[in-house]
């Protein structure tokens, strides 16, 4: 069952904690925070565990003082991915993106004002909160079944902004601020995370497999694309007016050809033919029209490193069967991979949407970021702990039931026609049901099930 599989996978967390009591408390917090209803605060998890009449300090010290590394909690997905998809020639797809967690307290460390990504295009709104960088491992279930890929989070790291000096700051303070911004930003953190992911895959036996990092346009810059990665390629969305060129002619002292072109001009160039690449997207195998220009240079980005431009034609769609055909905007991708078939790269890029699904479920269903904390160590670790628990739930579902939605879950409502895979709400409903029937001497599972109603209304 799902609960037993989660407990089996969390046994791999024992090496991350210094004491067995800390490991047991962490697993109990995982189940309590996932199954409780309402706001996901630590106090509600304590009530769900039936410890609201005791001293709460040990539960808060799990995040504020206990010596554990949050990246160690994400080891099980790497272990199982290599064994579920052992094809040595297939690349490994990982989606990378940043997200913001809204905060209200003015004493939360590293909390500051950000641009709200949900702002309308005609007006920019502000959001006070924390910034995190997340990586999700893409499980390509479409290789063996007619079902889309699933993103399983494998990293969730805080990337704080450098505090800007005030009006009374000295020139030295401003110079230190400019130097700190160059060393501590989202691009530098993404480079460090990509190298860490490559090292982790090597440790789990995927040394010879290519790692493809699928990213959005914010990571398509000089810091990321000019960095040299071992056995890792980048795939990111490029702006349509970027200035690209071919290498200078042989024998010339120049590196870049003086003639520049843009991705938009490549799309409009009739002499470059479209190719057909088949990918799985939206529940169907679809033919995508693409153009390619290989072995080009981006002077302001990748510099002397050759890259490949992929232009995706506008895709037709219909709002209803009898409506007129509309077309989406074209997409322009830039990759450091010059040899991999374009269909494989497009499939990984289209699967990148799963990280957006992860962000929505983490914040709207699991309540990541809702806990009220001010400890400098607990603020970055508690959201990462919840994301690691979310990763364990998704992984346990894949291992126990496969990629499909089986009859083990509750029946679908009347208004819903079909569901190819279980949603997070399906998994949580099943997990709450199994808690009522479980018996485990190590974890107080029955107490969690008995206190869930009380925790929801407290």
Protein backbone atom coordinates (compact mmCIF):
# COMPACT_ATOMS: atom_id res chain seq x y z
CA UNK A 1 0.00 0.00 0.00
CA UNK A 2 0.93 3.64 -0.35
CA UNK A 3 1.62 4.22 3.35
CA UNK A 4 3.90 1.21 3.69
CA UNK A 5 5.80 2.22 0.56
CA UNK A 6 6.34 5.73 1.96
CA UNK A 7 7.66 4.27 5.20
CA UNK A 8 10.01 2.01 3.24
CA UNK A 9 11.41 4.90 1.22
CA UNK A 10 11.81 7.16 4.25
CA UNK A 11 13.97 4.45 5.83
CA UNK A 12 16.64 5.79 3.46
CA UNK A 13 16.52 9.03 5.46
CA UNK A 14 18.16 7.43 8.49
CA UNK A 15 21.64 8.38 7.29
CA UNK A 16 20.60 12.03 7.02
CA UNK A 17 19.80 12.37 10.74
CA UNK A 18 22.22 12.02 13.62
CA UNK A 19 19.75 10.24 15.93
CA UNK A 20 17.00 7.68 15.40
CA UNK A 21 14.64 9.88 17.39
CA UNK A 22 15.14 12.75 14.93
CA UNK A 23 14.49 10.43 11.99
CA UNK A 24 11.31 9.12 13.60
CA UNK A 25 10.11 12.64 14.37
CA UNK A 26 10.82 13.73 10.76
CA UNK A 27 8.73 10.88 9.30
CA UNK A 28 5.90 11.68 11.69
CA UNK A 29 5.98 15.33 10.65
CA UNK A 30 5.92 14.28 6.99
CA UNK A 31 2.73 12.25 7.45
CA UNK A 32 1.06 14.77 9.75
CA UNK A 33 1.75 17.81 7.56
CA UNK A 34 0.67 15.99 4.39
CA UNK A 35 -2.58 14.58 5.80
CA UNK A 36 -3.80 17.48 7.89
CA UNK A 37 -6.29 19.96 6.41
CA UNK A 38 -6.23 23.72 6.46
CA UNK A 39 -3.06 25.75 6.80
CA UNK A 40 0.08 23.61 6.98
CA UNK A 41 1.76 25.08 10.03
CA UNK A 42 4.03 23.24 12.45
CA UNK A 43 1.53 23.76 15.27
CA UNK A 44 -1.15 21.89 13.31
CA UNK A 45 1.26 19.04 12.70
CA UNK A 46 1.94 18.88 16.45
CA UNK A 47 -1.80 18.74 17.14
CA UNK A 48 -2.24 16.01 14.53
CA UNK A 49 0.48 14.04 16.29
CA UNK A 50 -1.36 14.40 19.62
CA UNK A 51 1.51 16.29 21.25
CA UNK A 52 -0.21 19.65 21.77
CA UNK A 53 -0.34 19.01 25.51
CA UNK A 54 3.42 18.56 25.72
CA UNK A 55 6.44 20.78 25.26
CA UNK A 56 6.62 21.88 21.60
CA UNK A 57 10.29 22.80 21.58
CA UNK A 58 11.54 19.41 20.32
CA UNK A 59 9.33 19.63 17.21
CA UNK A 60 10.53 23.14 16.35
CA UNK A 61 14.15 22.20 17.05
CA UNK A 62 13.86 19.54 14.34
CA UNK A 63 14.07 22.40 11.84
CA UNK A 64 15.99 24.99 13.84
CA UNK A 65 18.83 22.96 15.43
CA UNK A 66 18.90 19.32 14.32
CA UNK A 67 22.01 18.70 12.12
CA UNK A 68 20.65 17.38 8.81
CA UNK A 69 21.17 18.36 5.20
CA UNK A 70 18.05 18.92 3.14
CA UNK A 71 19.64 17.52 -0.05
CA UNK A 72 20.08 14.13 1.62
CA UNK A 73 16.28 13.79 1.78
CA UNK A 74 16.07 13.78 -2.04
CA UNK A 75 18.29 10.72 -2.60
CA UNK A 76 15.55 8.07 -3.18
CA UNK A 77 14.29 9.52 -6.53
CA UNK A 78 17.80 9.29 -7.99
CA UNK A 79 18.16 5.69 -6.82
CA UNK A 80 14.88 4.54 -8.37
CA UNK A 81 15.06 6.57 -11.58
CA UNK A 82 18.27 4.88 -12.69
CA UNK A 83 16.64 1.47 -12.13
CA UNK A 84 13.24 2.26 -13.63
CA UNK A 85 14.73 3.78 -16.81
CA UNK A 86 18.06 1.97 -17.30
CA UNK A 87 18.52 2.71 -21.02
CA UNK A 88 22.13 3.95 -21.24
CA UNK A 89 21.58 5.90 -24.45
CA UNK A 90 18.57 7.92 -23.29
CA UNK A 91 19.27 11.35 -21.78
CA UNK A 92 18.05 12.24 -18.30
CA UNK A 93 15.67 15.19 -18.26
CA UNK A 94 15.60 17.60 -15.33
CA UNK A 95 13.46 20.76 -15.15
CA UNK A 96 14.87 23.82 -13.38
CA UNK A 97 12.88 26.85 -12.26
CA UNK A 98 12.56 29.34 -9.44
CA UNK A 99 9.49 30.09 -7.32
CA UNK A 100 8.47 32.54 -4.61
CA UNK A 101 6.87 31.80 -1.24
CA UNK A 102 4.78 34.65 0.10
CA UNK A 103 5.48 35.86 3.66
CA UNK A 104 3.83 38.43 5.90
CA UNK A 105 6.22 38.77 8.85
CA UNK A 106 8.81 41.52 8.62
CA UNK A 107 11.25 39.57 10.82
CA UNK A 108 11.58 36.55 8.50
CA UNK A 109 15.24 36.27 7.46
CA UNK A 110 15.97 36.94 3.77
CA UNK A 111 12.36 37.93 3.01
CA UNK A 112 12.16 40.89 0.62
CA UNK A 113 10.10 42.32 -2.22
CA UNK A 114 9.94 40.45 -5.53
CA UNK A 115 8.14 40.88 -8.79
CA UNK A 116 4.92 38.89 -8.66
CA UNK A 117 4.96 36.38 -11.56
CA UNK A 118 1.14 36.35 -11.55
CA UNK A 119 0.99 40.04 -12.39
CA UNK A 120 -0.99 41.01 -15.50
CA UNK A 121 1.15 42.04 -18.48
CA UNK A 122 -0.02 45.66 -18.25
CA UNK A 123 0.85 46.18 -14.56
CA UNK A 124 3.67 44.79 -12.43
CA UNK A 125 2.73 43.81 -8.87
CA UNK A 126 5.05 43.16 -5.94
CA UNK A 127 5.27 40.11 -3.69
CA UNK A 128 6.92 40.00 -0.28
CA UNK A 129 8.50 36.64 0.39
CA UNK A 130 11.36 34.22 -0.19
CA UNK A 131 12.88 32.94 -3.43
CA UNK A 132 13.70 29.27 -3.97
CA UNK A 133 15.32 27.33 -6.78
CA UNK A 134 13.78 23.93 -7.55
CA UNK A 135 14.84 21.02 -9.76
CA UNK A 136 12.39 18.26 -10.73
CA UNK A 137 13.45 14.93 -12.21
CA UNK A 138 11.24 14.06 -15.19
CA UNK A 139 10.04 10.45 -15.14
CA UNK A 140 9.34 9.69 -18.87
CA UNK A 141 6.35 7.36 -18.52
CA UNK A 142 5.41 8.06 -22.15
CA UNK A 143 8.24 5.75 -23.20
CA UNK A 144 6.28 2.68 -22.13
CA UNK A 145 2.64 3.86 -21.94
CA UNK A 146 0.27 6.47 -23.35
CA UNK A 147 0.67 8.75 -20.35
CA UNK A 148 2.60 11.91 -19.78
CA UNK A 149 5.79 12.39 -17.80
CA UNK A 150 5.77 13.21 -14.10
CA UNK A 151 8.07 15.63 -12.32
CA UNK A 152 9.49 14.49 -8.97
CA UNK A 153 11.30 17.24 -7.02
CA UNK A 154 14.95 16.50 -6.26
CA UNK A 155 16.19 19.92 -5.06
CA UNK A 156 14.62 22.89 -3.29
CA UNK A 157 17.16 25.51 -2.25
CA UNK A 158 16.70 29.05 -1.01
CA UNK A 159 18.35 31.75 -3.13
CA UNK A 160 18.14 34.97 -1.09
CA UNK A 161 18.63 38.43 -2.51
CA UNK A 162 21.56 40.53 -1.38
CA UNK A 163 20.29 43.36 0.78
CA UNK A 164 20.68 46.69 -0.96
CA UNK A 165 22.47 49.41 1.05
CA UNK A 166 20.44 52.36 2.29
CA UNK A 167 20.73 56.06 1.56
CA UNK A 168 23.31 56.58 4.29
CA UNK A 169 25.61 53.83 3.00
CA UNK A 170 29.21 54.66 2.14
CA UNK A 171 30.88 54.16 -1.21
CA UNK A 172 32.59 51.07 0.17
CA UNK A 173 29.20 49.62 1.15
CA UNK A 174 27.91 50.15 -2.38
CA UNK A 175 31.02 48.58 -3.87
CA UNK A 176 30.66 45.57 -1.58
CA UNK A 177 27.01 45.29 -2.61
CA UNK A 178 27.89 45.20 -6.32
CA UNK A 179 30.53 42.55 -5.69
CA UNK A 180 28.12 40.44 -3.60
CA UNK A 181 25.42 40.58 -6.28
CA UNK A 182 27.85 39.08 -8.81
CA UNK A 183 28.64 36.21 -6.46
CA UNK A 184 25.16 35.54 -5.05
CA UNK A 185 22.36 35.49 -7.61
CA UNK A 186 19.96 33.08 -9.26
CA UNK A 187 22.29 32.23 -12.16
CA UNK A 188 25.26 31.40 -9.92
CA UNK A 189 23.02 29.23 -7.74
CA UNK A 190 21.65 27.40 -10.78
CA UNK A 191 25.18 26.59 -11.97
CA UNK A 192 26.03 25.16 -8.54
CA UNK A 193 22.79 23.13 -8.50
CA UNK A 194 23.42 21.69 -11.98
CA UNK A 195 26.90 20.57 -10.98
CA UNK A 196 25.50 19.03 -7.78
CA UNK A 197 22.87 17.12 -9.78
CA UNK A 198 25.52 15.80 -12.15
CA UNK A 199 27.59 14.57 -9.22
CA UNK A 200 24.56 12.91 -7.63
CA UNK A 201 23.68 11.01 -10.81
CA UNK A 202 27.29 9.85 -11.13
CA UNK A 203 27.12 8.53 -7.59
CA UNK A 204 23.99 6.51 -8.45
CA UNK A 205 25.49 4.79 -11.50
CA UNK A 206 24.46 7.14 -14.33
CA UNK A 207 27.99 8.36 -15.11
CA UNK A 208 27.73 7.72 -18.86
CA UNK A 209 24.22 9.15 -19.33
CA UNK A 210 23.69 12.67 -20.64
CA UNK A 211 21.95 15.15 -18.34
CA UNK A 212 19.61 17.63 -20.10
CA UNK A 213 18.61 20.68 -18.06
CA UNK A 214 15.33 22.16 -19.31
CA UNK A 215 14.91 25.80 -18.24
CA UNK A 216 12.90 28.91 -19.04
CA UNK A 217 14.18 32.18 -20.45
CA UNK A 218 15.45 33.61 -17.16
CA UNK A 219 18.33 31.08 -17.19
CA UNK A 220 19.30 31.77 -20.81
CA UNK A 221 22.15 34.15 -20.00
CA UNK A 222 25.94 34.41 -20.08
CA UNK A 223 26.55 33.07 -16.58
CA UNK A 224 24.79 29.77 -17.25
CA UNK A 225 25.52 29.17 -20.94
CA UNK A 226 29.18 30.10 -20.87
CA UNK A 227 29.92 27.71 -17.99
CA UNK A 228 31.47 24.35 -18.86
CA UNK A 229 29.49 21.37 -17.52
CA UNK A 230 30.65 17.76 -17.62
CA UNK A 231 28.29 15.46 -19.59
CA UNK A 232 25.50 18.02 -19.19
CA UNK A 233 23.69 20.06 -21.84
CA UNK A 234 21.43 23.07 -21.43
CA UNK A 235 18.06 23.60 -23.10
CA UNK A 236 16.42 26.97 -22.51
CA UNK A 237 13.95 29.30 -24.13
CA UNK A 238 15.52 32.20 -26.02
CA UNK A 239 14.11 35.62 -26.76
CA UNK A 240 13.19 36.17 -30.39
CA UNK A 241 15.44 39.22 -30.90
CA UNK A 242 18.69 37.68 -29.59
CA UNK A 243 21.64 38.42 -31.88
CA UNK A 244 23.27 35.22 -33.17
CA UNK A 245 25.93 34.56 -35.79
CA UNK A 246 28.02 31.86 -37.43
CA UNK A 247 31.73 31.36 -36.75
CA UNK A 248 34.06 33.50 -38.86
CA UNK A 249 35.56 31.98 -41.98
CA UNK A 250 38.63 29.82 -41.66
CA UNK A 251 41.84 31.78 -41.85
CA UNK A 252 40.22 34.90 -40.43
CA UNK A 253 41.52 36.47 -37.24
CA UNK A 254 37.93 37.05 -36.10
CA UNK A 255 35.92 34.62 -34.03
CA UNK A 256 32.41 35.80 -34.91
CA UNK A 257 31.00 36.41 -38.36
CA UNK A 258 29.95 40.08 -38.71
CA UNK A 259 26.55 39.11 -40.17
CA UNK A 260 24.00 38.75 -37.38
CA UNK A 261 20.58 37.11 -37.41
CA UNK A 262 17.79 36.59 -34.89
CA UNK A 263 15.59 33.58 -34.07
CA UNK A 264 12.62 35.46 -35.53
CA UNK A 265 14.43 35.91 -38.83
CA UNK A 266 15.16 32.17 -38.94
CA UNK A 267 11.46 31.44 -38.50
CA UNK A 268 10.57 33.77 -41.36
CA UNK A 269 13.36 32.47 -43.63
CA UNK A 270 11.66 30.36 -46.29
CA UNK A 271 14.93 28.74 -47.40
CA UNK A 272 15.22 26.84 -44.11
CA UNK A 273 12.67 24.00 -44.28
CA UNK A 274 10.57 22.77 -41.41
CA UNK A 275 11.07 19.26 -40.03
CA UNK A 276 8.51 17.04 -38.32
CA UNK A 277 9.26 15.77 -34.81
CA UNK A 278 6.79 13.56 -32.95
CA UNK A 279 6.39 14.05 -29.20
CA UNK A 280 3.89 13.02 -26.54
CA UNK A 281 2.01 15.98 -25.13
CA UNK A 282 -1.50 16.47 -23.79
CA UNK A 283 -2.28 12.76 -23.83
CA UNK A 284 -1.52 12.25 -27.54
CA UNK A 285 1.37 11.73 -29.91
CA UNK A 286 1.66 14.98 -31.82
CA UNK A 287 3.66 16.13 -34.83
CA UNK A 288 5.57 19.35 -34.17
CA UNK A 289 7.08 21.46 -36.96
CA UNK A 290 10.56 22.68 -36.11
CA UNK A 291 13.56 24.35 -37.71
CA UNK A 292 17.17 23.88 -36.71
CA UNK A 293 20.32 25.93 -37.17
CA UNK A 294 23.40 24.13 -35.82
CA UNK A 295 26.90 25.23 -34.89
CA UNK A 296 26.17 28.90 -34.28
CA UNK A 297 27.57 31.36 -31.76
CA UNK A 298 25.98 33.71 -29.26
CA UNK A 299 28.55 36.33 -28.45
CA UNK A 300 26.70 37.87 -25.52
CA UNK A 301 25.74 34.51 -24.04
CA UNK A 302 27.60 31.28 -24.77
CA UNK A 303 30.54 33.24 -26.27
CA UNK A 304 32.80 30.80 -28.16
CA UNK A 305 30.84 27.70 -27.23
CA UNK A 306 28.84 26.45 -30.28
CA UNK A 307 25.09 26.12 -29.74
CA UNK A 308 22.04 24.99 -31.68
CA UNK A 309 18.89 27.03 -32.32
CA UNK A 310 15.52 25.23 -32.45
CA UNK A 311 12.49 27.14 -33.75
CA UNK A 312 9.06 25.67 -32.95
CA UNK A 313 6.31 26.71 -35.34
CA UNK A 314 3.05 28.14 -33.94
CA UNK A 315 0.88 25.23 -32.81
CA UNK A 316 -2.80 25.13 -33.88
CA UNK A 317 -5.54 24.55 -31.32
CA UNK A 318 -9.34 24.76 -31.07
CA UNK A 319 -11.23 25.98 -28.03
CA UNK A 320 -14.18 23.78 -29.02
CA UNK A 321 -14.82 21.31 -31.87
CA UNK A 322 -16.74 23.86 -33.93
CA UNK A 323 -14.57 26.89 -33.15
CA UNK A 324 -12.08 28.38 -35.56
CA UNK A 325 -8.45 27.32 -35.40
CA UNK A 326 -6.15 29.52 -33.33
CA UNK A 327 -2.36 29.44 -33.13
CA UNK A 328 -0.06 29.75 -30.16
CA UNK A 329 3.04 31.91 -30.21
CA UNK A 330 6.19 30.37 -31.70
CA UNK A 331 8.94 29.24 -29.35
CA UNK A 332 12.71 29.60 -29.73
CA UNK A 333 15.02 27.21 -27.90
CA UNK A 334 18.77 27.33 -27.48
CA UNK A 335 20.78 24.25 -26.54
CA UNK A 336 24.44 23.39 -26.11
CA UNK A 337 23.73 19.91 -27.53
CA UNK A 338 24.68 19.62 -31.23
CA UNK A 339 24.07 15.90 -31.86
CA UNK A 340 21.06 14.60 -29.91
CA UNK A 341 17.95 14.11 -32.11
CA UNK A 342 15.67 17.09 -31.92
CA UNK A 343 12.65 14.97 -30.94
CA UNK A 344 14.32 13.90 -27.68
CA UNK A 345 15.17 17.48 -26.76
CA UNK A 346 11.68 18.72 -27.61
CA UNK A 347 10.12 15.98 -25.50
CA UNK A 348 12.18 17.03 -22.48
CA UNK A 349 11.32 20.68 -23.01
CA UNK A 350 7.59 19.98 -23.31
CA UNK A 351 7.81 17.84 -20.16
CA UNK A 352 9.27 20.85 -18.34
CA UNK A 353 5.71 21.95 -17.60
CA UNK A 354 5.62 19.34 -14.83
CA UNK A 355 7.69 21.60 -12.60
CA UNK A 356 4.93 24.20 -12.84
CA UNK A 357 2.50 21.49 -11.71
CA UNK A 358 4.86 20.79 -8.79
CA UNK A 359 4.87 24.46 -7.80
CA UNK A 360 1.08 24.65 -7.83
CA UNK A 361 0.60 21.49 -5.75
CA UNK A 362 3.33 22.41 -3.28
CA UNK A 363 1.88 25.82 -2.51
CA UNK A 364 -1.88 25.40 -2.97
CA UNK A 365 -2.35 21.85 -1.60
CA UNK A 366 0.61 21.10 0.68
CA UNK A 367 0.96 24.65 1.97
CA UNK A 368 4.69 25.03 1.45
CA UNK A 369 5.72 28.35 2.94
CA UNK A 370 2.76 28.71 5.34
CA UNK A 371 4.69 27.79 8.50
CA UNK A 372 5.51 30.78 10.71
CA UNK A 373 9.24 30.62 11.39
CA UNK A 374 11.97 33.16 12.10
CA UNK A 375 14.96 30.94 12.85
CA UNK A 376 17.74 31.51 10.27
CA UNK A 377 18.20 27.76 9.89
CA UNK A 378 14.55 26.73 9.95
CA UNK A 379 13.32 29.26 7.38
CA UNK A 380 15.10 27.63 4.39
CA UNK A 381 14.90 24.03 5.65
CA UNK A 382 11.23 23.65 6.61
CA UNK A 383 9.86 24.34 3.08
CA UNK A 384 12.55 22.05 1.64
CA UNK A 385 11.45 19.35 4.09
CA UNK A 386 7.83 19.60 2.90
CA UNK A 387 8.93 19.43 -0.74
CA UNK A 388 11.02 16.34 0.08
CA UNK A 389 7.92 14.77 1.65
CA UNK A 390 5.93 15.65 -1.47
CA UNK A 391 8.65 13.95 -3.52
CA UNK A 392 8.38 10.82 -1.35
CA UNK A 393 4.60 10.65 -1.89
CA UNK A 394 4.93 10.91 -5.68
CA UNK A 395 7.75 8.37 -5.75
CA UNK A 396 5.84 5.90 -3.57
CA UNK A 397 2.84 6.22 -5.89
CA UNK A 398 4.96 5.44 -8.96
CA UNK A 399 6.61 2.45 -7.29
CA UNK A 400 3.40 1.02 -5.84
CA UNK A 401 0.79 1.67 -8.54
CA UNK A 402 2.80 2.58 -11.62
CA UNK A 403 2.08 5.70 -13.67
CA UNK A 404 -1.67 4.97 -14.09
CA UNK A 405 -4.65 5.64 -11.85
CA UNK A 406 -5.76 2.22 -10.62
CA UNK A 407 -8.89 1.02 -8.83
CA UNK A 408 -7.12 1.44 -5.46
CA UNK A 409 -8.16 5.10 -5.43
CA UNK A 410 -11.57 6.59 -4.73
CA UNK A 411 -14.01 6.71 -7.68
CA UNK A 412 -13.96 9.83 -9.80
CA UNK A 413 -16.80 12.34 -9.35
CA UNK A 414 -19.68 12.24 -11.84
CA UNK A 415 -18.61 15.38 -13.64
CA UNK A 416 -15.10 14.08 -14.36
CA UNK A 417 -14.83 11.79 -17.38
CA UNK A 418 -11.42 10.21 -16.93
CA UNK A 419 -8.04 10.56 -15.21
CA UNK A 420 -4.97 8.82 -16.57
CA UNK A 421 -2.87 9.26 -13.44
CA UNK A 422 -3.63 9.90 -9.77
CA UNK A 423 -3.61 13.49 -8.61
CA UNK A 424 -2.03 14.63 -5.38
CA UNK A 425 -5.50 14.87 -3.83
CA UNK A 426 -6.08 11.23 -4.76
CA UNK A 427 -2.85 10.25 -3.04
CA UNK A 428 -3.62 12.24 0.10
CA UNK A 429 -7.14 10.81 0.33
CA UNK A 430 -5.77 7.30 0.05
CA UNK A 431 -3.06 8.07 2.60
CA UNK A 432 -5.62 9.33 5.15
CA UNK A 433 -7.70 6.19 4.63
CA UNK A 434 -4.71 3.92 5.18
CA UNK A 435 -3.72 5.77 8.36
CA UNK A 436 -6.97 4.65 9.99
CA UNK A 437 -6.18 1.01 9.31
CA UNK A 438 -2.42 0.99 9.87
CA UNK A 439 -0.58 -0.32 12.90
CA UNK A 440 3.11 0.41 13.38
CA UNK A 441 5.05 0.15 16.60
CA UNK A 442 7.72 2.63 15.49
CA UNK A 443 5.45 5.48 14.39
CA UNK A 444 2.30 6.64 16.13
CA UNK A 445 0.14 6.31 12.99
CA UNK A 446 -3.17 5.71 14.76
CA UNK A 447 -2.73 8.91 16.77
CA UNK A 448 -2.30 10.91 13.55
CA UNK A 449 -5.51 9.51 12.09
CA UNK A 450 -7.43 10.16 15.31
CA UNK A 451 -6.25 13.77 15.67
CA UNK A 452 -6.64 14.92 12.04
CA UNK A 453 -10.21 16.25 12.53
CA UNK A 454 -9.18 18.14 15.65
CA UNK A 455 -6.12 19.62 13.91
CA UNK A 456 -8.24 20.82 10.99
CA UNK A 457 -10.45 22.99 13.22
CA UNK A 458 -7.87 24.24 15.71
